[in-house]
Amino acid sequence: MRPIPNNVRALCGAILIGVVALVYGVLELNWFEPANPFGDPVLQRARDDVIVAAVDRSAILRAQVYSEAVIKGLVQDGQPFDIDGEDGQQIVEELIDQRVLANEARRLGLDNDPTARPRLVLAQDRALSEILLRRLIEQRVTEDSLKALYDQQLETLRLDEEVRARHILVPTEDEARQLMARLRAGADFARLARTQSIDEASAKDGGDLGYFTRAAMVEPFADVAFSTSAGEVSEPFETQFGWHIVKVEDRRQRRAPTFEELRPQLLRFKTFEVVRSEIERLRSAATIDYLN
């Protein structure tokens, strides 16, 4: 399977969590209408939303409260949140405080202050870029696209064979040969492993190592285990740990992960892919100058 980049979670979080709060904030900065706030474009674009409070007839929306709850980590994006609860009401009060301060700043003309304009431009850039990416993600990261990616991954996924085996580990070849003679005479492998094996981790389980792939074991242990048939016992052999006798209990092909099991990884990877490709496309088409 193609590796899922480690930085996808952080990137997706920045894109998906911050969108709603920033977009409403920027819209209000640009379209603030004190005389007629209930007909302004913020509310026209907030279809089916609810006004939870108003400061000098300037609306605070349920979506804004929800966005703050997501940013504060009180709820995961997309999960239900009780705005009428204690946490929800606390956020409403905080947004009211923020709105009265912002209204006063606008009254004083600080939104046109030379020191404020660069910050407002950056905020608008951030909001618009995240709105664009959210729409691209909604259009391109679909269930069909995730299933297509899953099928693609299955085609390249190497489903290694797994072996379940027991082993007995002893310090010398002579001890291993003696134990082998006892096994041929009918001694129980698991019982000998419990009493004779110096591998304390597996001895208590009768030498059981569980299922493992070839890559999980050192050579020549892996070669012996994977060349021994199920139900058979190997001849004694040596590794850097001592002398082993292996009994293979079972062999199986590793099960392919289901779509639902891989869906979170597929979603993060596809989101990252969409964002990365769009940024690369736009950067290649733009004229970018680095100035001192």
Protein backbone atom coordinates (compact mmCIF):
# COMPACT_ATOMS: atom_id res chain seq x y z
CA MET A 1 0.00 0.00 0.00
CA ARG A 2 1.22 3.51 -0.77
CA PRO A 3 2.29 5.17 2.48
CA ILE A 4 -0.10 7.66 4.03
CA PRO A 5 1.84 10.92 4.76
CA ASN A 6 2.31 11.64 8.47
CA ASN A 7 1.36 15.28 8.13
CA VAL A 8 -2.08 14.60 6.64
CA ARG A 9 -3.92 14.75 9.98
CA ALA A 10 -2.55 18.24 10.79
CA LEU A 11 -3.24 19.52 7.28
CA CYS A 12 -6.79 18.17 7.19
CA GLY A 13 -7.51 19.54 10.63
CA ALA A 14 -6.39 23.03 9.63
CA ILE A 15 -8.50 22.92 6.49
CA LEU A 16 -11.68 21.37 7.84
CA ILE A 17 -11.97 22.74 11.37
CA GLY A 18 -11.19 26.40 10.75
CA VAL A 19 -13.33 26.99 7.67
CA VAL A 20 -16.71 27.94 9.09
CA ALA A 21 -15.45 30.31 11.77
CA LEU A 22 -13.15 32.17 9.43
CA VAL A 23 -15.61 32.53 6.58
CA TYR A 24 -18.30 34.12 8.75
CA GLY A 25 -15.75 36.38 10.39
CA VAL A 26 -14.42 37.63 7.07
CA LEU A 27 -17.85 38.09 5.55
CA GLU A 28 -18.89 40.26 8.47
CA LEU A 29 -15.77 42.41 8.22
CA ASN A 30 -16.51 43.15 4.57
CA TRP A 31 -20.33 43.31 4.57
CA PHE A 32 -21.17 44.71 7.97
CA GLU A 33 -24.40 46.74 7.76
CA PRO A 34 -25.39 48.21 11.15
CA ALA A 35 -28.70 49.57 9.82
CA ASN A 36 -29.97 46.34 8.29
CA PRO A 37 -28.05 43.37 9.71
CA PHE A 38 -30.84 40.82 9.31
CA GLY A 39 -30.75 41.21 5.53
CA ASP A 40 -27.01 41.23 5.06
CA PRO A 41 -25.16 38.68 2.86
CA VAL A 42 -23.90 36.78 5.90
CA LEU A 43 -27.44 35.70 6.71
CA GLN A 44 -28.41 35.23 3.07
CA ARG A 45 -25.60 32.70 2.70
CA ALA A 46 -26.36 30.98 6.01
CA ARG A 47 -29.30 29.00 4.67
CA ASP A 48 -31.45 27.33 7.31
CA ASP A 49 -29.22 28.77 10.06
CA VAL A 50 -30.51 30.18 13.34
CA ILE A 51 -29.75 33.53 14.95
CA VAL A 52 -28.89 32.83 18.58
CA ALA A 53 -28.18 36.43 19.65
CA ALA A 54 -27.94 39.93 18.24
CA VAL A 55 -25.67 42.80 19.30
CA ASP A 56 -27.04 46.17 18.18
CA ARG A 57 -29.03 44.19 15.57
CA SER A 58 -25.86 42.45 14.31
CA ALA A 59 -26.57 38.71 14.24
CA ILE A 60 -24.60 35.92 15.91
CA LEU A 61 -25.37 32.63 14.18
CA ARG A 62 -25.63 29.09 15.42
CA ALA A 63 -22.96 28.12 12.88
CA GLN A 64 -20.55 30.57 14.50
CA VAL A 65 -21.18 29.09 17.94
CA TYR A 66 -20.63 25.61 16.55
CA SER A 67 -17.40 26.66 14.85
CA GLU A 68 -16.06 28.02 18.10
CA ALA A 69 -16.95 24.75 19.82
CA VAL A 70 -14.96 22.84 17.19
CA ILE A 71 -11.97 25.18 17.50
CA LYS A 72 -12.04 24.83 21.30
CA GLY A 73 -12.10 21.03 20.98
CA LEU A 74 -15.50 20.71 22.64
CA VAL A 75 -16.87 18.72 19.70
CA GLN A 76 -15.51 17.00 16.60
CA ASP A 77 -16.37 18.66 13.30
CA GLY A 78 -19.61 17.14 12.03
CA GLN A 79 -20.73 15.81 15.41
CA PRO A 80 -23.80 17.20 17.25
CA PHE A 81 -23.30 19.92 19.85
CA ASP A 82 -25.83 21.23 22.37
CA ILE A 83 -25.74 24.98 21.94
CA ASP A 84 -28.28 25.36 24.73
CA GLY A 85 -25.97 23.56 27.17
CA GLU A 86 -23.49 25.19 29.54
CA ASP A 87 -20.59 25.09 27.07
CA GLY A 88 -22.76 26.40 24.26
CA GLN A 89 -24.06 29.31 26.31
CA GLN A 90 -20.53 30.18 27.43
CA ILE A 91 -19.47 30.43 23.80
CA VAL A 92 -22.48 32.63 23.01
CA GLU A 93 -21.41 35.04 25.78
CA GLU A 94 -17.84 35.05 24.47
CA LEU A 95 -19.02 35.84 20.94
CA ILE A 96 -21.18 38.66 22.30
CA ASP A 97 -18.11 40.10 24.06
CA GLN A 98 -16.12 39.77 20.86
CA ARG A 99 -18.88 41.42 18.81
CA VAL A 100 -19.25 44.46 21.08
CA LEU A 101 -15.49 44.97 20.93
CA ALA A 102 -15.42 44.58 17.15
CA ASN A 103 -18.35 46.96 16.73
CA GLU A 104 -16.53 49.55 18.80
CA ALA A 105 -13.38 49.04 16.73
CA ARG A 106 -15.39 49.66 13.55
CA ARG A 107 -17.03 52.74 15.09
CA LEU A 108 -13.56 54.11 15.78
CA GLY A 109 -12.48 53.33 12.21
CA LEU A 110 -9.87 50.77 13.27
CA ASP A 111 -10.88 48.47 10.42
CA ASN A 112 -9.36 51.10 8.10
CA ASP A 113 -6.31 51.73 10.27
CA PRO A 114 -3.03 51.15 8.33
CA THR A 115 -1.79 48.79 11.03
CA ALA A 116 -4.99 46.71 10.87
CA ARG A 117 -5.43 46.37 7.11
CA PRO A 118 -2.55 43.87 6.52
CA ARG A 119 -3.94 41.58 9.20
CA LEU A 120 -7.46 41.81 7.76
CA VAL A 121 -6.13 41.00 4.29
CA LEU A 122 -4.33 37.93 5.65
CA ALA A 123 -7.51 36.84 7.43
CA GLN A 124 -9.46 37.20 4.20
CA ASP A 125 -6.81 35.25 2.24
CA ARG A 126 -6.95 32.47 4.82
CA ALA A 127 -10.74 32.31 4.79
CA LEU A 128 -11.12 32.37 1.01
CA SER A 129 -8.41 29.77 0.48
CA GLU A 130 -10.06 27.46 2.99
CA ILE A 131 -13.49 28.00 1.42
CA LEU A 132 -12.03 27.07 -1.97
CA LEU A 133 -10.35 23.96 -0.59
CA ARG A 134 -13.48 22.90 1.30
CA ARG A 135 -15.50 23.08 -1.93
CA LEU A 136 -12.85 21.14 -3.84
CA ILE A 137 -12.78 18.49 -1.13
CA GLU A 138 -16.57 18.21 -1.17
CA GLN A 139 -16.51 17.80 -4.96
CA ARG A 140 -13.56 15.42 -5.29
CA VAL A 141 -13.35 13.44 -2.06
CA THR A 142 -16.45 11.35 -2.65
CA GLU A 143 -17.36 7.82 -1.67
CA ASP A 144 -16.75 6.74 -5.27
CA SER A 145 -13.28 8.31 -5.27
CA LEU A 146 -12.44 6.63 -1.95
CA LYS A 147 -13.61 3.24 -3.24
CA ALA A 148 -11.56 3.70 -6.41
CA LEU A 149 -8.51 4.49 -4.28
CA TYR A 150 -9.23 1.42 -2.14
CA ASP A 151 -9.37 -0.82 -5.23
CA GLN A 152 -6.13 0.71 -6.47
CA GLN A 153 -4.44 0.03 -3.15
CA LEU A 154 -5.62 -3.58 -3.10
CA GLU A 155 -4.03 -4.17 -6.49
CA THR A 156 -0.63 -3.07 -5.18
CA LEU A 157 -0.99 -4.50 -1.68
CA ARG A 158 1.29 -7.42 -1.01
CA LEU A 159 -0.65 -9.88 1.13
CA ASP A 160 2.15 -11.86 2.74
CA GLU A 161 1.66 -15.39 3.97
CA GLU A 162 1.54 -15.79 7.73
CA VAL A 163 2.65 -18.75 9.82
CA ARG A 164 1.63 -19.65 13.34
CA ALA A 165 4.37 -21.63 15.06
CA ARG A 166 5.75 -22.79 18.40
CA HIS A 167 9.43 -23.04 19.18
CA ILE A 168 11.78 -24.40 21.80
CA LEU A 169 15.01 -22.49 22.36
CA VAL A 170 18.00 -24.06 24.15
CA PRO A 171 21.64 -22.98 24.45
CA THR A 172 23.40 -25.92 22.76
CA GLU A 173 23.00 -28.28 19.83
CA ASP A 174 23.34 -31.30 22.13
CA GLU A 175 20.34 -30.19 24.21
CA ALA A 176 18.34 -29.55 21.04
CA ARG A 177 19.14 -33.05 19.71
CA GLN A 178 18.05 -34.62 22.99
CA LEU A 179 14.74 -32.75 22.92
CA MET A 180 14.25 -33.74 19.28
CA ALA A 181 14.61 -37.41 20.26
CA ARG A 182 11.96 -36.96 22.93
CA LEU A 183 9.61 -35.34 20.44
CA ARG A 184 10.06 -38.21 18.01
CA ALA A 185 9.23 -40.59 20.86
CA GLY A 186 5.89 -38.82 21.31
CA ALA A 187 6.58 -36.06 23.86
CA ASP A 188 4.20 -33.10 23.78
CA PHE A 189 5.83 -30.07 22.09
CA ALA A 190 4.03 -27.43 24.16
CA ARG A 191 4.85 -29.18 27.44
CA LEU A 192 8.56 -29.42 26.54
CA ALA A 193 8.56 -25.75 25.56
CA ARG A 194 7.14 -24.75 28.95
CA THR A 195 9.76 -26.69 30.89
CA GLN A 196 12.84 -26.57 28.64
CA SER A 197 12.78 -23.43 26.48
CA ILE A 198 14.93 -20.50 27.60
CA ASP A 199 12.70 -18.08 25.67
CA GLU A 200 10.72 -16.96 28.71
CA ALA A 201 8.31 -14.80 26.71
CA SER A 202 6.93 -17.72 24.69
CA ALA A 203 7.70 -20.64 27.05
CA LYS A 204 4.77 -19.82 29.34
CA ASP A 205 2.48 -20.23 26.30
CA GLY A 206 3.98 -23.54 25.27
CA GLY A 207 6.38 -21.83 22.84
CA ASP A 208 3.51 -20.23 20.90
CA LEU A 209 4.68 -17.28 18.81
CA GLY A 210 1.28 -16.56 17.26
CA TYR A 211 0.97 -15.60 13.59
CA PHE A 212 3.88 -13.78 11.97
CA THR A 213 5.15 -12.83 8.52
CA ARG A 214 8.52 -13.75 7.09
CA ALA A 215 9.77 -10.19 7.53
CA ALA A 216 9.01 -10.30 11.27
CA MET A 217 11.57 -13.02 12.00
CA VAL A 218 15.35 -13.24 11.72
CA GLU A 219 17.11 -15.61 9.36
CA PRO A 220 17.33 -18.57 9.32
CA PHE A 221 14.29 -18.78 11.62
CA ALA A 222 12.02 -17.35 8.93
CA ASP A 223 13.32 -19.74 6.27
CA VAL A 224 12.76 -22.78 8.48
CA ALA A 225 9.30 -21.68 9.63
CA PHE A 226 8.07 -20.91 6.13
CA SER A 227 9.51 -24.09 4.61
CA THR A 228 7.91 -26.38 7.21
CA SER A 229 4.42 -27.73 6.57
CA ALA A 230 1.57 -27.19 9.01
CA GLY A 231 1.63 -29.85 11.70
CA GLU A 232 5.30 -30.70 11.09
CA VAL A 233 8.34 -30.20 13.38
CA SER A 234 11.62 -28.88 12.00
CA GLU A 235 15.09 -30.27 12.58
CA PRO A 236 17.15 -28.34 15.16
CA PHE A 237 18.85 -25.23 13.76
CA GLU A 238 20.93 -22.36 15.10
CA THR A 239 20.44 -18.60 15.21
CA GLN A 240 22.28 -15.91 17.14
CA PHE A 241 19.97 -16.65 20.08
CA GLY A 242 20.77 -20.36 20.38
CA TRP A 243 19.34 -23.62 19.03
CA HIS A 244 15.70 -23.86 17.96
CA ILE A 245 13.14 -26.50 17.18
CA VAL A 246 10.03 -25.18 15.42
CA LYS A 247 6.58 -26.69 15.11
CA VAL A 248 4.32 -25.04 12.53
CA GLU A 249 0.71 -25.00 13.71
CA ASP A 250 -0.97 -23.21 10.80
CA ARG A 251 -0.36 -21.27 7.59
CA ARG A 252 -2.63 -18.62 6.10
CA GLN A 253 -2.72 -15.75 3.65
CA ARG A 254 -2.93 -12.43 5.42
CA ARG A 255 -6.44 -10.98 5.12
CA ALA A 256 -6.87 -7.84 3.07
CA PRO A 257 -8.24 -4.92 5.13
CA THR A 258 -11.84 -3.98 4.33
CA PHE A 259 -12.90 -0.64 2.87
CA GLU A 260 -14.41 0.43 6.20
CA GLU A 261 -11.19 -0.43 8.05
CA LEU A 262 -9.12 1.67 5.67
CA ARG A 263 -11.66 4.45 5.14
CA PRO A 264 -10.14 6.94 7.66
CA GLN A 265 -6.70 6.57 6.05
CA LEU A 266 -8.15 6.76 2.54
CA LEU A 267 -10.07 9.91 3.48
CA ARG A 268 -6.98 11.64 4.87
CA PHE A 269 -4.84 10.61 1.93
CA LYS A 270 -7.37 11.63 -0.72
CA THR A 271 -7.94 14.98 1.01
CA PHE A 272 -4.21 15.62 1.11
CA GLU A 273 -3.90 14.62 -2.54
CA VAL A 274 -6.66 17.02 -3.63
CA VAL A 275 -5.18 19.92 -1.66
CA ARG A 276 -1.63 19.27 -2.81
CA SER A 277 -2.54 18.94 -6.51
CA GLU A 278 -4.62 22.12 -6.48
CA ILE A 279 -1.89 24.15 -4.79
CA GLU A 280 0.72 22.81 -7.22
CA ARG A 281 -1.54 23.63 -10.19
CA LEU A 282 -2.15 27.19 -9.02
CA ARG A 283 1.49 27.85 -8.10
CA SER A 284 2.65 26.66 -11.52
CA ALA A 285 0.20 29.05 -13.20
CA ALA A 286 1.08 32.03 -10.97
CA THR A 287 3.92 34.51 -11.28
CA ILE A 288 5.77 34.32 -7.96
CA ASP A 289 8.58 36.75 -7.18
CA TYR A 290 10.71 36.51 -4.03
CA LEU A 291 11.87 39.96 -3.00
CA ASN A 292 14.34 41.09 -0.33
